[in-house]
Amino acid sequence: MSNIDGVDLCCLLWARADEAAGLEAYEDRVLALIPDHGGQVLQRVRRTSDEAGPNEVQIYRFPSQSSLDSYLADPRRLALAAERDRVVSRTELFPVAFLA
């Protein structure tokens, strides 16, 4: 699963208090935009307990940095910034490499 010319990312998301469902709904909307920029969501998982940690973890792939930049600048995504601020308390986004 190498992506030598592209960008593989992991995203950790924490919901604001009582906004786990709101975070999920927001992510449903913005992740649906990724294919429009040549990317794909490889994995999306949700925490199943009340223990500490991110509410959601996502792994996605973009064919290039420019396609990721295009997604991040998508006006449809940017228009949802207020919703994001309402439901997401913390985000960690970082590049990853897949191991055999």
N, C-alpha and C. Protein backbone atom coordinates (compact mmCIF):
# COMPACT_ATOMS: atom_id res chain seq x y z
N MET A 1 0.81 -1.20 0.00
CA MET A 1 0.00 0.00 0.00
C MET A 1 0.85 1.26 0.00
N SER A 2 1.93 1.27 -0.73
CA SER A 2 2.76 2.47 -0.74
C SER A 2 2.11 3.54 -1.62
N ASN A 3 2.47 4.76 -1.33
CA ASN A 3 1.96 5.90 -2.07
C ASN A 3 3.14 6.83 -2.33
N ILE A 4 4.10 6.36 -3.11
CA ILE A 4 5.39 7.02 -3.27
C ILE A 4 5.23 8.47 -3.74
N ASP A 5 4.36 8.71 -4.67
CA ASP A 5 4.21 10.07 -5.20
C ASP A 5 3.11 10.85 -4.52
N GLY A 6 2.35 10.22 -3.64
CA GLY A 6 1.20 10.88 -3.05
C GLY A 6 1.37 11.18 -1.57
N VAL A 7 0.24 11.41 -0.93
CA VAL A 7 0.21 11.80 0.47
C VAL A 7 -0.77 10.91 1.21
N ASP A 8 -0.29 10.18 2.22
CA ASP A 8 -1.14 9.39 3.11
C ASP A 8 -1.18 10.10 4.45
N LEU A 9 -2.36 10.24 5.00
CA LEU A 9 -2.54 11.01 6.24
C LEU A 9 -3.38 10.25 7.25
N CYS A 10 -3.10 10.51 8.52
CA CYS A 10 -3.93 10.04 9.62
C CYS A 10 -4.51 11.27 10.30
N CYS A 11 -5.78 11.21 10.61
CA CYS A 11 -6.46 12.31 11.27
C CYS A 11 -7.12 11.78 12.53
N LEU A 12 -6.80 12.40 13.67
CA LEU A 12 -7.43 12.08 14.95
C LEU A 12 -8.36 13.23 15.30
N LEU A 13 -9.59 12.92 15.69
CA LEU A 13 -10.59 13.95 15.96
C LEU A 13 -11.25 13.74 17.32
N TRP A 14 -11.34 14.81 18.07
CA TRP A 14 -12.04 14.80 19.35
C TRP A 14 -13.26 15.70 19.24
N ALA A 15 -14.39 15.22 19.73
CA ALA A 15 -15.63 15.99 19.70
C ALA A 15 -15.73 16.89 20.93
N ARG A 16 -16.41 18.00 20.77
CA ARG A 16 -16.75 18.82 21.92
C ARG A 16 -17.75 18.03 22.78
N ALA A 17 -17.91 18.43 24.02
CA ALA A 17 -18.83 17.74 24.94
C ALA A 17 -20.21 17.59 24.31
N ASP A 18 -20.72 16.39 24.35
CA ASP A 18 -22.05 16.06 23.83
C ASP A 18 -22.21 16.30 22.32
N GLU A 19 -21.11 16.33 21.58
CA GLU A 19 -21.19 16.57 20.14
C GLU A 19 -20.61 15.44 19.30
N ALA A 20 -20.54 14.23 19.85
CA ALA A 20 -20.02 13.10 19.07
C ALA A 20 -20.85 12.88 17.81
N ALA A 21 -22.16 12.97 17.93
CA ALA A 21 -23.02 12.79 16.75
C ALA A 21 -22.83 13.94 15.77
N GLY A 22 -22.62 15.14 16.27
CA GLY A 22 -22.37 16.29 15.41
C GLY A 22 -21.06 16.16 14.66
N LEU A 23 -20.03 15.66 15.34
CA LEU A 23 -18.74 15.42 14.70
C LEU A 23 -18.92 14.41 13.57
N GLU A 24 -19.62 13.35 13.85
CA GLU A 24 -19.84 12.32 12.82
C GLU A 24 -20.57 12.89 11.61
N ALA A 25 -21.60 13.69 11.84
CA ALA A 25 -22.36 14.28 10.73
C ALA A 25 -21.50 15.25 9.92
N TYR A 26 -20.71 16.06 10.62
CA TYR A 26 -19.81 16.98 9.93
C TYR A 26 -18.81 16.21 9.07
N GLU A 27 -18.20 15.18 9.65
CA GLU A 27 -17.22 14.40 8.91
C GLU A 27 -17.85 13.68 7.72
N ASP A 28 -19.07 13.19 7.86
CA ASP A 28 -19.77 12.59 6.72
C ASP A 28 -19.79 13.57 5.54
N ARG A 29 -20.06 14.83 5.84
CA ARG A 29 -20.18 15.85 4.79
C ARG A 29 -18.83 16.18 4.16
N VAL A 30 -17.81 16.44 4.98
CA VAL A 30 -16.54 16.87 4.38
C VAL A 30 -15.77 15.71 3.76
N LEU A 31 -15.86 14.53 4.33
CA LEU A 31 -15.16 13.39 3.72
C LEU A 31 -15.76 13.02 2.37
N ALA A 32 -17.03 13.32 2.16
CA ALA A 32 -17.66 13.05 0.86
C ALA A 32 -17.05 13.90 -0.25
N LEU A 33 -16.35 14.97 0.10
CA LEU A 33 -15.71 15.84 -0.89
C LEU A 33 -14.35 15.31 -1.36
N ILE A 34 -13.75 14.43 -0.61
CA ILE A 34 -12.39 13.96 -0.92
C ILE A 34 -12.27 13.36 -2.33
N PRO A 35 -13.20 12.49 -2.77
CA PRO A 35 -13.06 11.93 -4.12
C PRO A 35 -13.06 13.00 -5.22
N ASP A 36 -13.71 14.13 -4.99
CA ASP A 36 -13.71 15.21 -5.98
C ASP A 36 -12.31 15.77 -6.22
N HIS A 37 -11.39 15.48 -5.32
CA HIS A 37 -10.02 15.98 -5.41
C HIS A 37 -9.02 14.84 -5.65
N GLY A 38 -9.55 13.69 -6.07
CA GLY A 38 -8.69 12.55 -6.40
C GLY A 38 -8.27 11.71 -5.21
N GLY A 39 -8.73 12.07 -4.02
CA GLY A 39 -8.35 11.33 -2.82
C GLY A 39 -9.35 10.23 -2.49
N GLN A 40 -8.99 9.46 -1.48
CA GLN A 40 -9.90 8.43 -1.01
C GLN A 40 -9.72 8.23 0.50
N VAL A 41 -10.84 7.94 1.15
CA VAL A 41 -10.81 7.59 2.57
C VAL A 41 -10.52 6.09 2.62
N LEU A 42 -9.39 5.73 3.23
CA LEU A 42 -9.01 4.32 3.30
C LEU A 42 -9.62 3.63 4.51
N GLN A 43 -9.75 4.37 5.61
CA GLN A 43 -10.31 3.78 6.84
C GLN A 43 -10.86 4.91 7.69
N ARG A 44 -11.97 4.59 8.34
CA ARG A 44 -12.61 5.52 9.27
C ARG A 44 -13.15 4.69 10.42
N VAL A 45 -12.66 4.96 11.62
CA VAL A 45 -13.11 4.20 12.78
C VAL A 45 -13.52 5.15 13.90
N ARG A 46 -14.41 4.66 14.74
CA ARG A 46 -14.97 5.45 15.84
C ARG A 46 -14.71 4.75 17.16
N ARG A 47 -14.41 5.52 18.18
CA ARG A 47 -14.23 4.98 19.53
C ARG A 47 -15.55 4.39 20.00
N THR A 48 -15.48 3.24 20.68
CA THR A 48 -16.70 2.55 21.12
C THR A 48 -16.89 2.57 22.63
N SER A 49 -16.04 3.32 23.33
CA SER A 49 -16.19 3.40 24.79
C SER A 49 -16.09 4.86 25.21
N ASP A 50 -16.31 5.10 26.49
CA ASP A 50 -16.20 6.45 27.04
C ASP A 50 -14.79 6.76 27.53
N GLU A 51 -13.85 5.88 27.27
CA GLU A 51 -12.47 6.10 27.72
C GLU A 51 -11.83 7.24 26.92
N ALA A 52 -10.76 7.78 27.47
CA ALA A 52 -10.07 8.90 26.82
C ALA A 52 -9.52 8.49 25.47
N GLY A 53 -9.45 9.45 24.59
CA GLY A 53 -8.90 9.23 23.25
C GLY A 53 -9.75 9.93 22.22
N PRO A 54 -9.28 9.92 20.99
CA PRO A 54 -10.06 10.57 19.94
C PRO A 54 -11.38 9.85 19.71
N ASN A 55 -12.39 10.62 19.31
CA ASN A 55 -13.68 10.03 18.97
C ASN A 55 -13.62 9.30 17.64
N GLU A 56 -12.78 9.82 16.73
CA GLU A 56 -12.72 9.23 15.40
C GLU A 56 -11.28 9.27 14.89
N VAL A 57 -10.92 8.23 14.14
CA VAL A 57 -9.61 8.15 13.48
C VAL A 57 -9.86 7.86 12.00
N GLN A 58 -9.18 8.60 11.16
CA GLN A 58 -9.35 8.45 9.71
C GLN A 58 -7.98 8.30 9.06
N ILE A 59 -7.94 7.49 8.03
CA ILE A 59 -6.74 7.37 7.18
C ILE A 59 -7.19 7.70 5.77
N TYR A 60 -6.51 8.64 5.14
CA TYR A 60 -6.84 8.93 3.75
C TYR A 60 -5.61 9.14 2.91
N ARG A 61 -5.84 9.06 1.62
CA ARG A 61 -4.77 9.11 0.62
C ARG A 61 -5.15 10.11 -0.46
N PHE A 62 -4.16 10.92 -0.81
CA PHE A 62 -4.29 11.85 -1.93
C PHE A 62 -3.16 11.56 -2.90
N PRO A 63 -3.41 11.68 -4.21
CA PRO A 63 -2.37 11.34 -5.18
C PRO A 63 -1.22 12.34 -5.21
N SER A 64 -1.43 13.53 -4.66
CA SER A 64 -0.37 14.55 -4.67
C SER A 64 -0.66 15.59 -3.59
N GLN A 65 0.35 16.37 -3.28
CA GLN A 65 0.16 17.47 -2.34
C GLN A 65 -0.82 18.49 -2.90
N SER A 66 -0.79 18.70 -4.21
CA SER A 66 -1.71 19.68 -4.80
C SER A 66 -3.16 19.22 -4.70
N SER A 67 -3.42 17.92 -4.79
CA SER A 67 -4.79 17.44 -4.63
C SER A 67 -5.26 17.60 -3.17
N LEU A 68 -4.36 17.38 -2.21
CA LEU A 68 -4.69 17.64 -0.81
C LEU A 68 -4.96 19.12 -0.60
N ASP A 69 -4.10 19.97 -1.14
CA ASP A 69 -4.30 21.41 -1.00
C ASP A 69 -5.63 21.86 -1.61
N SER A 70 -5.98 21.25 -2.74
CA SER A 70 -7.26 21.56 -3.38
C SER A 70 -8.43 21.19 -2.48
N TYR A 71 -8.35 20.02 -1.84
CA TYR A 71 -9.40 19.61 -0.90
C TYR A 71 -9.49 20.58 0.27
N LEU A 72 -8.35 20.94 0.85
CA LEU A 72 -8.34 21.83 2.01
C LEU A 72 -8.90 23.21 1.67
N ALA A 73 -8.74 23.64 0.42
CA ALA A 73 -9.23 24.95 -0.02
C ALA A 73 -10.62 24.89 -0.64
N ASP A 74 -11.23 23.73 -0.70
CA ASP A 74 -12.55 23.58 -1.33
C ASP A 74 -13.55 24.52 -0.65
N PRO A 75 -14.20 25.39 -1.42
CA PRO A 75 -15.15 26.33 -0.83
C PRO A 75 -16.31 25.65 -0.09
N ARG A 76 -16.70 24.46 -0.54
CA ARG A 76 -17.77 23.73 0.15
C ARG A 76 -17.32 23.30 1.54
N ARG A 77 -16.06 22.90 1.65
CA ARG A 77 -15.50 22.52 2.95
C ARG A 77 -15.34 23.74 3.83
N LEU A 78 -14.82 24.82 3.28
CA LEU A 78 -14.61 26.04 4.04
C LEU A 78 -15.93 26.64 4.53
N ALA A 79 -16.99 26.46 3.76
CA ALA A 79 -18.31 26.97 4.17
C ALA A 79 -18.84 26.29 5.43
N LEU A 80 -18.27 25.13 5.78
CA LEU A 80 -18.71 24.39 6.96
C LEU A 80 -17.85 24.68 8.19
N ALA A 81 -17.01 25.70 8.13
CA ALA A 81 -16.08 26.00 9.23
C ALA A 81 -16.81 26.26 10.55
N ALA A 82 -17.92 26.96 10.53
CA ALA A 82 -18.65 27.25 11.77
C ALA A 82 -19.19 25.96 12.38
N GLU A 83 -19.69 25.06 11.54
CA GLU A 83 -20.17 23.76 12.04
C GLU A 83 -19.01 22.98 12.65
N ARG A 84 -17.87 22.99 11.97
CA ARG A 84 -16.69 22.30 12.48
C ARG A 84 -16.30 22.85 13.85
N ASP A 85 -16.23 24.16 13.96
CA ASP A 85 -15.85 24.77 15.23
C ASP A 85 -16.83 24.44 16.35
N ARG A 86 -18.08 24.24 15.99
CA ARG A 86 -19.11 23.91 16.98
C ARG A 86 -18.98 22.49 17.51
N VAL A 87 -18.53 21.56 16.68
CA VAL A 87 -18.55 20.14 17.07
C VAL A 87 -17.18 19.52 17.33
N VAL A 88 -16.12 20.08 16.79
CA VAL A 88 -14.78 19.50 16.92
C VAL A 88 -13.97 20.32 17.91
N SER A 89 -13.44 19.65 18.94
CA SER A 89 -12.62 20.37 19.91
C SER A 89 -11.13 20.29 19.58
N ARG A 90 -10.71 19.23 18.91
CA ARG A 90 -9.29 19.04 18.64
C ARG A 90 -9.11 18.15 17.42
N THR A 91 -8.10 18.47 16.62
CA THR A 91 -7.74 17.68 15.46
C THR A 91 -6.23 17.51 15.42
N GLU A 92 -5.78 16.31 15.15
CA GLU A 92 -4.37 16.06 14.88
C GLU A 92 -4.30 15.40 13.50
N LEU A 93 -3.54 16.00 12.61
CA LEU A 93 -3.38 15.50 11.25
C LEU A 93 -1.90 15.36 10.98
N PHE A 94 -1.50 14.17 10.50
CA PHE A 94 -0.08 13.95 10.27
C PHE A 94 0.11 12.92 9.16
N PRO A 95 1.23 13.03 8.42
CA PRO A 95 1.52 12.06 7.37
C PRO A 95 1.91 10.72 7.98
N VAL A 96 1.56 9.66 7.28
CA VAL A 96 1.90 8.31 7.73
C VAL A 96 2.47 7.51 6.55
N ALA A 97 3.14 6.42 6.89
CA ALA A 97 3.61 5.45 5.92
C ALA A 97 3.06 4.09 6.31
N PHE A 98 2.57 3.35 5.36
CA PHE A 98 2.03 2.03 5.63
C PHE A 98 3.16 1.02 5.79
N LEU A 99 3.00 0.13 6.73
CA LEU A 99 3.97 -0.93 6.98
C LEU A 99 3.46 -2.22 6.37
N ALA A 100 4.36 -3.08 6.03
CA ALA A 100 3.97 -4.37 5.41
C ALA A 100 3.20 -5.22 6.37
